Protein backbone atom coordinates (compact mmCIF):
# COMPACT_ATOMS: atom_id res chain seq x y z
CA UNK A 1 0.00 0.00 0.00
CA UNK A 2 1.31 3.45 -0.94
CA UNK A 3 2.08 5.81 1.90
CA UNK A 4 -0.22 8.78 2.40
CA UNK A 5 1.40 11.85 0.80
CA UNK A 6 1.11 15.59 1.48
CA UNK A 7 2.76 18.70 0.09
CA UNK A 8 3.94 19.64 3.59
CA UNK A 9 3.88 17.86 6.95
CA UNK A 10 4.20 19.98 10.10
CA UNK A 11 5.42 18.16 13.20
CA UNK A 12 4.02 19.92 16.25
CA UNK A 13 0.51 21.13 17.14
CA UNK A 14 1.40 23.97 19.47
CA UNK A 15 1.19 27.67 18.67
CA UNK A 16 4.19 27.66 16.33
CA UNK A 17 3.22 24.47 14.50
CA UNK A 18 -0.42 25.44 13.97
CA UNK A 19 0.56 28.90 12.71
CA UNK A 20 3.06 27.32 10.31
CA UNK A 21 0.34 25.00 9.03
CA UNK A 22 -2.10 27.87 8.49
CA UNK A 23 0.38 30.07 6.62
CA UNK A 24 1.52 27.14 4.45
CA UNK A 25 -2.11 26.38 3.67
CA UNK A 26 -2.68 30.01 2.70
CA UNK A 27 0.18 29.55 0.21
CA UNK A 28 -1.82 26.81 -1.49
CA UNK A 29 -0.14 23.79 0.07
CA UNK A 30 -1.88 20.55 1.08
CA UNK A 31 -0.79 20.32 4.71
CA UNK A 32 -0.97 17.72 7.46
CA UNK A 33 -0.16 18.36 11.14
CA UNK A 34 1.37 15.54 13.19
CA UNK A 35 1.63 15.39 16.98
CA UNK A 36 1.29 12.72 19.64
CA UNK A 37 -0.80 15.21 21.67
CA UNK A 38 -3.96 16.97 20.55
CA UNK A 39 -3.57 20.60 19.40
CA UNK A 40 -2.73 23.09 22.13
CA UNK A 41 -2.08 20.48 24.83
CA UNK A 42 1.70 20.76 25.02
CA UNK A 43 3.80 23.62 26.33
CA UNK A 44 1.59 26.13 24.52
CA UNK A 45 -1.26 25.19 26.85
CA UNK A 46 0.29 26.58 30.01
CA UNK A 47 2.03 29.80 29.03
CA UNK A 48 1.37 33.18 30.67
CA UNK A 49 -0.83 34.23 27.76
CA UNK A 50 1.23 37.37 27.13
CA UNK A 51 1.49 38.66 23.58
CA UNK A 52 4.75 40.54 24.05
CA UNK A 53 6.10 42.61 21.16
CA UNK A 54 8.31 44.20 23.83
CA UNK A 55 10.12 40.92 24.58
CA UNK A 56 13.45 41.71 22.94
CA UNK A 57 15.58 41.69 26.11
CA UNK A 58 16.86 38.13 26.63
CA UNK A 59 17.48 36.31 29.88
CA UNK A 60 21.14 36.26 28.86
CA UNK A 61 22.73 39.40 30.25
CA UNK A 62 25.88 40.58 32.01
CA UNK A 63 23.67 41.31 35.04
CA UNK A 64 22.64 37.65 35.12
CA UNK A 65 26.24 36.52 35.51
CA UNK A 66 26.75 38.95 38.40
CA UNK A 67 23.54 37.81 40.07
CA UNK A 68 24.07 34.09 39.45
CA UNK A 69 25.32 33.08 42.93
CA UNK A 70 22.30 34.66 44.59
CA UNK A 71 19.92 33.22 42.01
CA UNK A 72 21.29 29.70 42.45
CA UNK A 73 21.29 29.60 46.24
CA UNK A 74 18.40 31.80 47.35
CA UNK A 75 15.11 30.15 48.30
CA UNK A 76 13.35 33.22 46.87
CA UNK A 77 15.00 32.85 43.47
CA UNK A 78 12.99 32.53 40.23
CA UNK A 79 15.75 30.22 38.96
CA UNK A 80 16.14 26.61 40.02
CA UNK A 81 18.95 24.38 38.81
CA UNK A 82 19.17 20.60 38.94
CA UNK A 83 22.89 20.23 39.57
CA UNK A 84 23.07 16.64 38.34
CA UNK A 85 21.40 17.63 35.08
CA UNK A 86 23.67 20.65 34.70
CA UNK A 87 26.77 18.47 35.19
CA UNK A 88 25.75 16.25 32.26
CA UNK A 89 24.90 19.25 30.04
CA UNK A 90 27.90 21.43 30.80
CA UNK A 91 28.61 22.52 27.18
CA UNK A 92 25.10 24.01 26.90
CA UNK A 93 25.46 25.80 30.23
CA UNK A 94 28.84 27.26 29.23
CA UNK A 95 27.50 28.34 25.86
CA UNK A 96 24.56 30.07 27.56
CA UNK A 97 26.95 31.97 29.86
CA UNK A 98 29.16 32.88 26.89
CA UNK A 99 26.09 34.49 25.33
CA UNK A 100 25.78 36.76 28.38
CA UNK A 101 28.72 38.84 27.09
CA UNK A 102 27.69 42.43 26.22
CA UNK A 103 28.29 42.08 22.45
CA UNK A 104 26.33 38.81 22.33
CA UNK A 105 23.44 40.30 24.29
CA UNK A 106 23.38 43.31 21.98
CA UNK A 107 23.17 40.98 18.96
CA UNK A 108 20.37 38.91 20.51
CA UNK A 109 18.41 42.00 21.54
CA UNK A 110 18.66 43.54 18.07
CA UNK A 111 17.73 40.25 16.41
CA UNK A 112 14.69 39.74 18.64
CA UNK A 113 13.60 43.36 18.14
CA UNK A 114 13.88 42.79 14.39
CA UNK A 115 11.42 39.90 14.30
CA UNK A 116 9.16 41.34 17.02
CA UNK A 117 8.62 44.43 14.88
CA UNK A 118 6.73 42.18 12.42
CA UNK A 119 4.69 39.98 14.76
CA UNK A 120 1.32 41.62 14.17
CA UNK A 121 1.58 40.82 10.46
CA UNK A 122 1.92 37.14 11.33
CA UNK A 123 -0.55 36.92 14.21
CA UNK A 124 -3.48 39.19 13.39
CA UNK A 125 -4.52 37.71 10.01
CA UNK A 126 -4.75 34.23 11.52
CA UNK A 127 -6.73 35.37 14.57
CA UNK A 128 -9.10 37.30 12.32
CA UNK A 129 -9.57 34.40 9.90
CA UNK A 130 -10.33 32.03 12.79
CA UNK A 131 -12.81 34.43 14.40
CA UNK A 132 -10.76 34.36 17.58
CA UNK A 133 -10.53 38.06 18.30
CA UNK A 134 -12.71 37.64 21.38
CA UNK A 135 -9.86 35.68 23.01
CA UNK A 136 -7.31 38.49 22.65
CA UNK A 137 -7.39 41.49 25.02
CA UNK A 138 -5.60 44.72 24.07
CA UNK A 139 -5.03 46.28 27.48
CA UNK A 140 -1.25 46.47 27.79
CA UNK A 141 0.97 44.94 30.47
CA UNK A 142 2.81 46.16 33.54
CA UNK A 143 6.07 44.74 34.87
CA UNK A 144 6.56 45.71 38.52
CA UNK A 145 9.77 46.15 40.52
CA UNK A 146 9.24 45.79 44.24
CA UNK A 147 12.54 47.40 45.22
CA UNK A 148 14.82 50.16 44.02
CA UNK A 149 17.64 47.63 43.61
CA UNK A 150 15.56 45.49 41.25
CA UNK A 151 14.64 48.54 39.19
CA UNK A 152 18.27 49.67 38.95
CA UNK A 153 19.24 46.30 37.51
CA UNK A 154 16.55 46.67 34.85
CA UNK A 155 17.65 50.11 33.60
CA UNK A 156 19.98 48.72 30.86
CA UNK A 157 17.10 46.58 29.57
CA UNK A 158 14.76 49.58 29.51
CA UNK A 159 17.34 51.55 27.55
CA UNK A 160 17.79 48.66 25.11
CA UNK A 161 14.04 48.50 24.49
CA UNK A 162 13.86 52.24 23.88
CA UNK A 163 16.83 52.04 21.52
CA UNK A 164 14.94 49.49 19.42
CA UNK A 165 11.70 51.41 19.29
CA UNK A 166 9.72 49.53 21.94
CA UNK A 167 6.98 51.61 23.56
CA UNK A 168 7.79 51.49 27.28
CA UNK A 169 6.73 53.95 29.98
CA UNK A 170 8.31 53.92 33.44
CA UNK A 171 5.65 54.42 36.13
CA UNK A 172 5.85 55.18 39.84
CA UNK A 173 3.89 53.18 42.39
CA UNK A 174 0.79 55.38 42.63
CA UNK A 175 -0.23 55.21 38.95
CA UNK A 176 0.31 51.44 38.98
CA UNK A 177 -1.95 51.01 42.01
CA UNK A 178 -4.57 53.21 40.33
CA UNK A 179 -4.46 50.99 37.25
CA UNK A 180 -4.50 47.74 39.27
CA UNK A 181 -5.90 48.45 42.77
CA UNK A 182 -5.88 44.77 43.83
CA UNK A 183 -2.07 44.62 43.94
CA UNK A 184 -0.73 44.21 47.48
CA UNK A 185 2.99 43.57 47.04
CA UNK A 186 5.62 46.33 47.47
CA UNK A 187 5.95 48.53 44.37
CA UNK A 188 8.91 50.82 43.68
CA UNK A 189 8.41 51.37 39.95
CA UNK A 190 7.11 49.54 36.94
CA UNK A 191 7.27 49.35 33.16
CA UNK A 192 4.04 49.87 31.22
CA UNK A 193 3.88 48.31 27.75
CA UNK A 194 0.86 49.84 26.06
CA UNK A 195 1.20 47.67 22.92
CA UNK A 196 1.05 44.38 24.84
CA UNK A 197 -1.97 42.09 24.66
CA UNK A 198 -2.98 38.92 26.44
CA UNK A 199 -4.87 35.79 25.53
CA UNK A 200 -7.80 34.69 27.67
CA UNK A 201 -7.32 31.01 26.84
CA UNK A 202 -4.09 29.93 25.06
CA UNK A 203 -5.36 26.40 24.40
CA UNK A 204 -8.69 27.79 23.23
CA UNK A 205 -6.92 30.12 20.80
CA UNK A 206 -4.92 27.25 19.28
CA UNK A 207 -8.06 25.12 19.03
CA UNK A 208 -9.86 27.96 17.23
CA UNK A 209 -6.95 28.40 14.80
CA UNK A 210 -6.75 24.67 14.22
CA UNK A 211 -10.49 24.41 13.56
CA UNK A 212 -10.07 27.02 10.82
CA UNK A 213 -7.12 25.07 9.39
CA UNK A 214 -9.22 21.90 9.22
CA UNK A 215 -12.26 23.66 7.77
CA UNK A 216 -10.05 25.01 4.97
CA UNK A 217 -8.98 21.48 4.02
CA UNK A 218 -6.08 20.82 6.36
CA UNK A 219 -5.39 17.34 7.72
CA UNK A 220 -4.56 16.02 11.19
CA UNK A 221 -2.94 12.76 12.24
CA UNK A 222 -2.33 12.11 15.95
CA UNK A 223 1.02 10.40 15.61
CA UNK A 224 4.45 10.51 17.17
CA UNK A 225 7.22 11.07 14.64
CA UNK A 226 10.33 9.04 15.36
CA UNK A 227 12.55 9.77 12.37
CA UNK A 228 12.55 11.27 8.90
CA UNK A 229 14.59 10.68 5.78
CA UNK A 230 14.96 13.31 3.08
CA UNK A 231 15.95 12.43 -0.47
CA UNK A 232 16.20 14.53 -3.62
CA UNK A 233 12.44 14.79 -4.15
CA UNK A 234 10.63 13.52 -1.05
CA UNK A 235 10.73 13.24 2.75
CA UNK A 236 9.79 9.91 4.33
CA UNK A 237 8.26 10.12 7.81
CA UNK A 238 8.51 7.19 10.22
CA UNK A 239 5.64 7.44 12.71
CA UNK A 240 6.15 5.34 15.83
CA UNK A 241 3.49 2.59 16.06
CA UNK A 242 1.41 4.10 13.23
CA UNK A 243 1.25 4.27 9.44
CA UNK A 244 4.12 6.16 7.87
CA UNK A 245 3.74 9.17 5.57
CA UNK A 246 5.61 11.02 2.85
CA UNK A 247 5.70 14.70 2.02
CA UNK A 248 7.35 17.13 -0.32
CA UNK A 249 8.55 19.30 2.55
CA UNK A 250 8.70 18.81 6.31
CA UNK A 251 8.47 21.44 9.07
CA UNK A 252 9.82 20.54 12.51
CA UNK A 253 7.96 22.70 15.04
CA UNK A 254 7.84 20.36 18.01
CA UNK A 255 9.28 22.77 20.55
CA UNK A 256 11.66 21.25 23.09
CA UNK A 257 10.92 17.79 21.65
CA UNK A 258 12.25 18.69 18.19
CA UNK A 259 15.64 17.08 18.89
CA UNK A 260 13.99 13.68 19.23
CA UNK A 261 13.16 13.57 15.50
CA UNK A 262 16.10 11.70 14.04
CA UNK A 263 17.27 12.65 10.58
CA UNK A 264 15.76 16.13 10.69
CA UNK A 265 18.94 18.01 11.54
CA UNK A 266 17.35 19.27 14.75
CA UNK A 267 19.15 16.58 16.71
CA UNK A 268 22.46 18.25 15.87
CA UNK A 269 21.51 21.60 17.42
CA UNK A 270 22.03 22.72 21.06
CA UNK A 271 18.34 22.76 21.92
CA UNK A 272 17.40 22.39 25.58
CA UNK A 273 14.46 23.52 27.68
CA UNK A 274 13.62 25.98 30.41
CA UNK A 275 10.98 24.37 32.57
CA UNK A 276 8.19 26.77 33.46
CA UNK A 277 5.29 26.38 35.88
CA UNK A 278 1.83 27.79 36.40
CA UNK A 279 -0.90 27.70 38.99
CA UNK A 280 -4.50 28.89 38.58
CA UNK A 281 -6.86 30.46 41.10
CA UNK A 282 -10.34 29.89 39.72
CA UNK A 283 -12.72 32.81 40.01
CA UNK A 284 -9.96 35.32 40.78
CA UNK A 285 -9.53 36.69 37.26
CA UNK A 286 -11.28 39.97 38.12
CA UNK A 287 -8.41 40.99 40.38
CA UNK A 288 -6.58 42.26 37.28
CA UNK A 289 -7.46 43.93 34.01
CA UNK A 290 -4.17 43.16 32.28
CA UNK A 291 -0.98 41.13 32.63
CA UNK A 292 1.15 42.13 35.62
CA UNK A 293 4.63 40.68 36.04
CA UNK A 294 6.61 40.72 39.28
CA UNK A 295 10.13 41.08 37.98
CA UNK A 296 12.14 40.00 41.03
CA UNK A 297 10.42 36.65 41.01
CA UNK A 298 10.15 36.02 37.27
CA UNK A 299 6.43 35.40 36.84
CA UNK A 300 3.32 36.99 35.33
CA UNK A 301 -0.21 37.14 36.69
CA UNK A 302 -2.77 36.99 33.87
CA UNK A 303 -6.57 37.25 34.04
CA UNK A 304 -7.93 34.41 31.92
CA UNK A 305 -11.20 32.63 31.30
CA UNK A 306 -12.24 31.09 34.60
CA UNK A 307 -9.23 32.06 36.67
CA UNK A 308 -6.11 34.05 37.48
CA UNK A 309 -3.03 32.29 36.07
CA UNK A 310 0.31 32.76 37.83
CA UNK A 311 2.94 31.57 35.35
CA UNK A 312 6.70 31.71 35.03
CA UNK A 313 10.03 31.02 36.76
CA UNK A 314 12.87 29.05 35.14
CA UNK A 315 14.03 25.58 36.08
CA UNK A 316 16.93 23.83 34.34
CA UNK A 317 16.28 20.12 34.80
CA UNK A 318 15.53 18.61 31.39
CA UNK A 319 12.46 16.99 29.86
CA UNK A 320 12.18 13.87 31.98
CA UNK A 321 12.21 15.02 35.59
CA UNK A 322 8.71 15.20 37.13
CA UNK A 323 7.04 18.35 38.40
CA UNK A 324 8.92 19.98 41.27
CA UNK A 325 6.44 20.80 44.09
CA UNK A 326 8.83 23.41 45.48
CA UNK A 327 8.27 25.50 42.34
CA UNK A 328 4.51 25.31 42.89
CA UNK A 329 4.99 26.39 46.51
CA UNK A 330 7.18 29.27 45.32
CA UNK A 331 4.50 30.58 42.95
CA UNK A 332 1.75 30.08 45.51
CA UNK A 333 3.65 32.03 48.17
CA UNK A 334 4.39 34.93 45.82
CA UNK A 335 0.80 35.00 44.54
CA UNK A 336 -0.45 35.35 48.13
CA UNK A 337 1.98 38.24 48.64
CA UNK A 338 0.68 39.84 45.44
CA UNK A 339 -3.07 39.53 46.17
CA UNK A 340 -5.41 39.11 49.12
CA UNK A 341 -8.05 36.40 49.33
CA UNK A 342 -6.77 33.89 46.78
CA UNK A 343 -7.12 30.67 48.76
CA UNK A 344 -5.35 27.59 47.38
CA UNK A 345 -4.60 27.08 43.66
CA UNK A 346 -7.00 24.88 41.70
CA UNK A 347 -4.49 23.82 39.05
CA UNK A 348 -0.76 23.27 38.78
CA UNK A 349 1.22 22.66 35.61
CA UNK A 350 4.75 22.13 34.26
CA UNK A 351 5.85 22.90 30.70
CA UNK A 352 9.09 22.91 28.72
CA UNK A 353 10.09 26.10 26.89
CA UNK A 354 12.36 25.27 23.93
CA UNK A 355 15.56 27.29 24.36
CA UNK A 356 18.84 27.68 22.50
CA UNK A 357 21.88 29.10 24.33
CA UNK A 358 21.72 32.47 22.53
CA UNK A 359 17.97 32.91 23.28
CA UNK A 360 17.15 33.19 19.56
CA UNK A 361 14.87 30.78 17.71
CA UNK A 362 15.81 28.66 14.73
CA UNK A 363 13.63 29.53 11.74
CA UNK A 364 15.39 28.25 8.63
CA UNK A 365 16.13 25.35 6.36
CA UNK A 366 17.72 22.37 8.07
CA UNK A 367 21.43 21.77 7.58
CA UNK A 368 20.39 18.21 6.69
CA UNK A 369 18.18 19.01 3.68
CA UNK A 370 16.52 21.93 1.90
CA UNK A 371 13.30 19.92 2.07
CA UNK A 372 13.27 20.16 5.86
CA UNK A 373 12.43 23.42 7.63
CA UNK A 374 13.07 24.08 11.32
CA UNK A 375 10.90 26.30 13.54
CA UNK A 376 11.62 26.03 17.26
CA UNK A 377 13.55 27.57 20.15
CA UNK A 378 11.17 30.45 20.87
CA UNK A 379 11.87 30.28 24.64
CA UNK A 380 9.52 32.69 26.50
CA UNK A 381 7.79 34.28 23.49
CA UNK A 382 6.42 31.40 21.43
CA UNK A 383 2.86 32.74 21.63
CA UNK A 384 4.07 36.09 20.30
CA UNK A 385 6.36 34.71 17.59
CA UNK A 386 4.14 31.85 16.40
CA UNK A 387 2.34 33.78 13.68
CA UNK A 388 5.36 35.49 12.15
CA UNK A 389 7.33 32.24 12.32
CA UNK A 390 4.59 30.58 10.28
CA UNK A 391 4.71 33.36 7.73
CA UNK A 392 8.50 33.07 7.37
CA UNK A 393 8.27 29.28 7.01
CA UNK A 394 5.67 29.67 4.25
CA UNK A 395 7.99 32.09 2.44
CA UNK A 396 10.90 29.66 2.69
CA UNK A 397 8.77 26.73 1.54
CA UNK A 398 7.70 28.73 -1.52
CA UNK A 399 11.22 29.91 -2.27
CA UNK A 400 10.31 33.51 -1.45
CA UNK A 401 12.63 35.91 0.35
CA UNK A 402 10.97 37.18 3.56
CA UNK A 403 10.47 40.94 3.76
CA UNK A 404 13.08 41.37 6.52
CA UNK A 405 16.46 39.87 7.33
CA UNK A 406 16.12 36.45 8.99
CA UNK A 407 19.78 35.42 8.90
CA UNK A 408 20.10 35.64 12.71
CA UNK A 409 17.64 32.74 13.09
CA UNK A 410 19.47 30.34 10.81
CA UNK A 411 20.43 26.89 12.08
CA UNK A 412 23.74 27.43 10.31
CA UNK A 413 24.94 29.63 13.20
CA UNK A 414 25.47 26.42 15.16
CA UNK A 415 26.86 24.27 12.37
CA UNK A 416 29.42 26.53 10.69
């Protein structure tokens, strides 16, 4: 029996994968999406829901290196490190620290600002086509600093944003409390991002997008992809414990799991994950009207459908380690310091942000084959970058040159 064949197969049914599928379909391709999970049920499910065109300042920074001892050993730190895991992944850790050098950070910031300047052109047409505008709230975001010391550390990042044209307004405590009167934690100053938006239901948004993809003739196969093999005119897809497929082009958009797809070229790249957590307090969503982040502790509070989501922190511990209850306790404690009357969380969740050591995504052809396209490594801003990533991938699949320079996101930066 002949294998089922498609013009393009997209591996990954999260925000990035679904947006890639939709933009490829809009280019006239016959597209199938493959994932072992149903759409929107992976890492995209649990994010903070922040659409962040301001997110050009990476975690990598010279300030991070200076603060590292305190971050690693403080019980109030937003960073948690599994030392055994770190010892077995030392090259990645060293590469990440190397990318904290000022010239590297400047390059990453400029490269992120470059793609973030185009995100609306990738995101808005898909949301409109799917009739999902009711899930997106345009009310800005506030990032709060509880102490003067925390604010002082952030000043270089504020300057970098301003340099790259990001709309950011520094506010004192009183205006912030007027905007969000439910806040109870200490406030020294804050950053107001008027162009920010948030999503009321990240999974619901992906499901709405995917429904539009299917209604326009797209295909879905719930399968785990084990390996692929590209030849001169076709890509063969080996699906674990399921019927195999072929396609003319393949897109790997499986987030932190992309390295597991043998033969794609992704397995040769230094992709790892930052583990992020969330908790939800059902019925507490009216405490906020917009996203509020508490910068010292590395999390955002977002009003969503049915609850207030507290999401963030960074844990370096790999894909296999189970949920760390200490991270849940950390978020719960800080949420109670941020708001009165929350009670106990009704939901807890762990996800795996796909991260490369320079905090830039890979959006390019694979070094393995021109028939394979790679789209992963979006770290903390996958929701924001999903749409524009899909648009770039569609351009590359069609042999078109995107309308802005994408060389910084090439996989070749790791294989030269």
